[in-house]
Amino acid sequence: MLFDTHVHLNADHYEEDVEDVIKRALDVGVSNMVVVGFDEKTIAKAMELVENYEFLYGAVGWHPVDAVDFNDTHIHLLKKLAGHSKIVALGEMGLDYYWDKSPKEIQKDVFRKQIQLARELTMPIIIHNRDADEDVVCVLQEEEAKEVGGIMHCFGGSLEIAKQCLEMNFHISFGGPVTFKNARQTKEVAKEIPLDRLLIETDAPFLAPHPYRGKRNEPAYIKLVAEQLAEIKGIKYEELTAITMNNAKKLFGIS
């Protein structure tokens, strides 16, 4: 059984065939997924999906790229939706210095507000980090995110950054990039992550694993991520999937 902890079934990429995509995931052994909403449109679609499928759960947050569009109405929306029985985390949230739509200081402010809400609600958080390692760690430390912990989503940073995140009660999640032939650092970091803090994801429709790199990703491909991590960790595939399933359910409070 596989648990995809980060997927965007709510993306426009699946508008025509989401049911087929879900069926293919179930066929390879995916038993649970967390659908992540990160703006008004994707949050609404995520809520619709989690209410229609028993095995889907949701996370709601505000993406750093769109931080400039965030206002008080949105923090109230997140707080309201966080009370839904199928919402298991807040996010994705964080910092993204690759795209320049939202100024860094606005990104940090929106990030801080979401961490503060998570602490108020005692909910784990899902972190998006692109080209902002030091600032992400700094904000997490200053806002005492250790109290709630969560997931460093699709981790691609250094071992030093990973260790700082582990110290703050975060799980490290790996997606398609860990399968890339040139992903030497990511593989080396994955080897060092304690098994009880390891998670898997696809981030579908983005970041498809080898040999589908560059094509539309989908949750069925998480099997390739799990196979690669089992090889890296030197354990059987079945053990890797059982461990990551248990880790995800424990973190999200799913019985």
Protein backbone atom coordinates (compact mmCIF):
# COMPACT_ATOMS: atom_id res chain seq x y z
CA MET A 1 0.00 0.00 0.00
CA LEU A 2 1.28 3.46 -0.97
CA PHE A 3 0.45 6.88 0.50
CA ASP A 4 1.00 9.83 -1.86
CA THR A 5 1.39 12.70 0.62
CA HIS A 6 1.31 15.48 -1.98
CA VAL A 7 -0.68 15.46 -5.19
CA HIS A 8 -2.59 18.04 -7.22
CA LEU A 9 -5.52 16.07 -8.59
CA ASN A 10 -7.22 19.48 -8.45
CA ALA A 11 -4.98 20.82 -11.24
CA ASP A 12 -6.36 21.72 -14.66
CA HIS A 13 -4.07 19.02 -16.12
CA TYR A 14 -6.59 16.39 -14.92
CA GLU A 15 -9.76 18.19 -15.91
CA GLU A 16 -10.61 15.61 -18.59
CA ASP A 17 -9.55 12.35 -16.92
CA VAL A 18 -9.23 12.66 -13.14
CA GLU A 19 -11.29 9.49 -12.58
CA ASP A 20 -8.99 7.47 -14.84
CA VAL A 21 -5.92 8.93 -13.11
CA ILE A 22 -7.29 7.93 -9.72
CA LYS A 23 -8.13 4.42 -10.97
CA ARG A 24 -4.58 3.91 -12.28
CA ALA A 25 -3.23 4.94 -8.89
CA LEU A 26 -5.47 2.48 -7.08
CA ASP A 27 -4.45 -0.26 -9.52
CA VAL A 28 -0.76 0.01 -8.50
CA GLY A 29 -1.54 0.00 -4.78
CA VAL A 30 -2.02 3.65 -3.85
CA SER A 31 -4.51 3.56 -0.98
CA ASN A 32 -4.40 7.18 0.21
CA MET A 33 -3.51 10.59 -1.18
CA VAL A 34 -3.43 14.14 0.14
CA VAL A 35 -4.77 16.62 -2.41
CA VAL A 36 -3.11 19.99 -1.87
CA GLY A 37 -4.95 23.27 -2.48
CA PHE A 38 -2.86 26.44 -2.64
CA ASP A 39 -5.16 29.24 -3.91
CA GLU A 40 -8.91 29.87 -4.09
CA LYS A 41 -9.49 27.78 -7.20
CA THR A 42 -7.41 24.75 -6.20
CA ILE A 43 -8.70 24.82 -2.61
CA ALA A 44 -12.31 24.67 -3.84
CA LYS A 45 -11.49 21.76 -6.15
CA ALA A 46 -9.57 19.95 -3.41
CA MET A 47 -12.58 20.18 -1.09
CA GLU A 48 -14.80 18.75 -3.81
CA LEU A 49 -12.47 15.81 -4.38
CA VAL A 50 -11.98 14.87 -0.73
CA GLU A 51 -15.73 14.89 -0.18
CA ASN A 52 -16.30 12.61 -3.20
CA TYR A 53 -13.58 10.01 -2.50
CA GLU A 54 -13.26 8.29 0.87
CA PHE A 55 -9.53 7.58 0.46
CA LEU A 56 -8.58 11.18 -0.44
CA TYR A 57 -7.57 13.71 2.19
CA GLY A 58 -6.77 17.36 1.77
CA ALA A 59 -4.40 20.16 2.75
CA VAL A 60 -5.24 23.83 2.35
CA GLY A 61 -2.79 26.70 2.25
CA TRP A 62 -1.49 29.59 0.19
CA HIS A 63 1.38 29.22 -2.25
CA PRO A 64 4.27 31.69 -1.87
CA VAL A 65 4.24 32.55 -5.58
CA ASP A 66 0.72 33.95 -5.07
CA ALA A 67 1.44 35.59 -1.70
CA VAL A 68 0.81 39.02 -3.21
CA ASP A 69 -2.85 38.02 -3.70
CA PHE A 70 -3.35 36.92 -0.07
CA ASN A 71 -5.56 38.89 2.32
CA ASP A 72 -7.41 38.51 5.63
CA THR A 73 -10.34 36.82 3.89
CA HIS A 74 -8.05 33.97 2.94
CA ILE A 75 -6.72 33.37 6.46
CA HIS A 76 -10.34 33.11 7.63
CA LEU A 77 -11.06 30.68 4.78
CA LEU A 78 -8.11 28.48 5.76
CA LYS A 79 -9.17 28.52 9.40
CA LYS A 80 -12.72 27.52 8.50
CA LEU A 81 -11.70 24.70 6.15
CA ALA A 82 -9.11 23.37 8.60
CA GLY A 83 -12.01 22.20 10.73
CA HIS A 84 -13.26 19.86 7.99
CA SER A 85 -12.84 16.18 8.90
CA LYS A 86 -10.90 15.41 5.70
CA ILE A 87 -8.40 18.28 6.00
CA VAL A 88 -5.25 16.90 7.62
CA ALA A 89 -2.67 19.69 7.18
CA LEU A 90 -2.17 23.34 6.30
CA GLY A 91 -0.17 24.09 3.18
CA GLU A 92 1.46 24.17 0.92
CA MET A 93 3.13 27.30 2.25
CA GLY A 94 6.66 28.61 2.26
CA LEU A 95 9.02 30.66 0.10
CA ASP A 96 9.76 30.59 -3.61
CA TYR A 97 12.62 32.77 -4.86
CA TYR A 98 12.65 31.24 -8.35
CA TRP A 99 9.55 33.05 -9.58
CA ASP A 100 9.34 36.78 -8.91
CA LYS A 101 5.58 37.42 -8.82
CA SER A 102 5.51 38.08 -5.06
CA PRO A 103 8.15 40.17 -3.22
CA LYS A 104 10.18 38.23 -0.65
CA GLU A 105 8.93 40.22 2.33
CA ILE A 106 5.29 39.61 1.36
CA GLN A 107 6.04 35.90 0.96
CA LYS A 108 7.57 35.80 4.44
CA ASP A 109 4.59 37.62 5.97
CA VAL A 110 2.07 35.21 4.42
CA PHE A 111 4.25 32.26 5.44
CA ARG A 112 4.39 33.50 9.04
CA LYS A 113 0.63 34.02 9.22
CA GLN A 114 -0.01 30.45 8.09
CA ILE A 115 2.45 28.98 10.59
CA GLN A 116 0.78 31.01 13.34
CA LEU A 117 -2.60 29.64 12.28
CA ALA A 118 -1.24 26.09 12.28
CA ARG A 119 0.07 26.54 15.82
CA GLU A 120 -3.29 27.93 16.90
CA LEU A 121 -5.06 24.90 15.39
CA THR A 122 -2.30 22.35 16.22
CA MET A 123 -2.04 21.14 12.63
CA PRO A 124 1.03 19.96 10.71
CA ILE A 125 2.23 22.13 7.84
CA ILE A 126 3.46 21.32 4.33
CA ILE A 127 6.42 23.41 3.23
CA HIS A 128 7.20 24.58 -0.30
CA ASN A 129 10.79 25.74 -0.67
CA ARG A 130 12.43 26.81 -3.90
CA ASP A 131 15.81 28.52 -3.83
CA ALA A 132 15.15 29.81 -0.31
CA ASP A 133 16.72 27.26 2.07
CA GLU A 134 18.15 29.61 4.68
CA ASP A 135 15.13 31.92 4.84
CA VAL A 136 12.70 28.99 5.08
CA VAL A 137 14.63 27.52 8.02
CA CYS A 138 14.88 30.95 9.65
CA VAL A 139 11.13 31.61 9.45
CA LEU A 140 10.31 28.11 10.73
CA GLN A 141 12.64 28.63 13.68
CA GLU A 142 11.42 32.13 14.50
CA GLU A 143 7.76 31.09 14.33
CA GLU A 144 8.41 27.97 16.45
CA ALA A 145 7.03 25.66 13.79
CA LYS A 146 8.59 22.80 15.76
CA GLU A 147 5.41 22.81 17.85
CA VAL A 148 3.40 21.39 14.94
CA GLY A 149 6.01 19.93 12.59
CA GLY A 150 5.00 18.74 9.17
CA ILE A 151 6.57 17.96 5.81
CA MET A 152 9.41 19.39 3.79
CA HIS A 153 7.68 18.72 0.49
CA CYS A 154 9.66 17.32 -2.45
CA PHE A 155 12.93 17.93 -0.64
CA GLY A 156 15.89 18.91 -2.78
CA GLY A 157 18.17 20.67 -0.32
CA SER A 158 21.44 19.76 1.36
CA LEU A 159 21.93 17.29 4.19
CA GLU A 160 22.67 20.23 6.51
CA ILE A 161 19.28 21.80 5.74
CA ALA A 162 17.59 18.42 6.12
CA LYS A 163 19.13 17.97 9.57
CA GLN A 164 17.90 21.41 10.65
CA CYS A 165 14.40 20.49 9.49
CA LEU A 166 14.51 17.14 11.29
CA GLU A 167 15.47 18.99 14.47
CA MET A 168 12.30 21.07 14.04
CA ASN A 169 10.07 17.99 14.01
CA PHE A 170 9.65 17.84 10.22
CA HIS A 171 9.40 14.81 7.96
CA ILE A 172 11.39 14.78 4.72
CA SER A 173 9.40 13.84 1.63
CA PHE A 174 10.88 12.77 -1.69
CA GLY A 175 9.23 12.79 -5.10
CA GLY A 176 10.15 12.18 -8.71
CA PRO A 177 13.50 14.03 -8.67
CA VAL A 178 15.04 11.35 -6.40
CA THR A 179 14.81 9.01 -9.43
CA PHE A 180 16.66 11.35 -11.79
CA LYS A 181 20.03 10.02 -12.94
CA ASN A 182 21.77 13.31 -12.11
CA ALA A 183 20.20 13.70 -8.64
CA ARG A 184 23.32 12.70 -6.72
CA GLN A 185 22.82 15.05 -3.76
CA THR A 186 19.13 14.17 -3.35
CA LYS A 187 19.96 10.45 -3.30
CA GLU A 188 22.75 11.02 -0.76
CA VAL A 189 20.43 13.01 1.49
CA ALA A 190 17.69 10.39 1.21
CA LYS A 191 20.15 7.74 2.37
CA GLU A 192 20.70 9.66 5.63
CA ILE A 193 17.07 10.42 6.55
CA PRO A 194 15.82 8.29 9.47
CA LEU A 195 13.18 5.81 8.31
CA ASP A 196 10.65 7.11 10.83
CA ARG A 197 10.82 10.60 9.26
CA LEU A 198 10.65 9.56 5.61
CA LEU A 199 7.68 10.20 3.30
CA ILE A 200 6.94 9.76 -0.41
CA GLU A 201 4.95 11.88 -2.85
CA THR A 202 4.50 12.65 -6.52
CA ASP A 203 3.59 16.37 -6.62
CA ALA A 204 1.65 15.27 -9.70
CA PRO A 205 1.10 16.62 -12.33
CA PHE A 206 4.58 18.08 -11.81
CA LEU A 207 8.04 16.48 -11.50
CA ALA A 208 7.36 13.09 -13.07
CA PRO A 209 9.94 10.44 -12.14
CA HIS A 210 12.30 8.70 -14.56
CA PRO A 211 11.49 7.43 -17.19
CA TYR A 212 8.55 9.85 -17.51
CA ARG A 213 10.59 12.98 -16.76
CA GLY A 214 9.17 15.99 -18.60
CA LYS A 215 5.75 14.43 -19.09
CA ARG A 216 2.56 14.82 -17.04
CA ASN A 217 3.06 13.15 -13.69
CA GLU A 218 0.34 11.15 -11.97
CA PRO A 219 -0.01 9.42 -8.59
CA ALA A 220 0.42 5.92 -10.05
CA TYR A 221 4.08 6.83 -10.63
CA ILE A 222 4.71 7.00 -6.88
CA LYS A 223 5.61 3.32 -7.13
CA LEU A 224 8.78 4.38 -8.99
CA VAL A 225 9.69 6.79 -6.18
CA ALA A 226 9.15 4.07 -3.57
CA GLU A 227 11.24 1.56 -5.52
CA GLN A 228 14.11 4.05 -5.82
CA LEU A 229 14.02 4.93 -2.11
CA ALA A 230 13.92 1.26 -1.09
CA GLU A 231 17.06 0.72 -3.18
CA ILE A 232 18.76 3.78 -1.66
CA LYS A 233 17.89 2.68 1.89
CA GLY A 234 18.85 -0.92 1.25
CA ILE A 235 15.50 -2.36 2.33
CA LYS A 236 12.71 -4.28 0.64
CA TYR A 237 10.07 -2.35 -1.31
CA GLU A 238 7.32 -3.72 0.95
CA GLU A 239 9.14 -2.48 4.05
CA LEU A 240 9.62 0.98 2.56
CA THR A 241 5.95 1.28 1.65
CA ALA A 242 4.80 0.05 5.06
CA ILE A 243 7.07 2.50 6.87
CA THR A 244 6.08 5.51 4.80
CA MET A 245 2.39 4.59 5.06
CA ASN A 246 2.67 4.41 8.86
CA ASN A 247 4.62 7.69 8.99
CA ALA A 248 2.00 9.51 6.90
CA LYS A 249 -0.98 8.21 8.86
CA LYS A 250 0.66 9.07 12.16
CA LEU A 251 1.56 12.58 11.05
CA PHE A 252 -1.89 13.30 9.59
CA GLY A 253 -3.77 11.67 12.45
CA ILE A 254 -5.43 9.08 10.20
CA SER A 255 -6.45 5.87 11.94
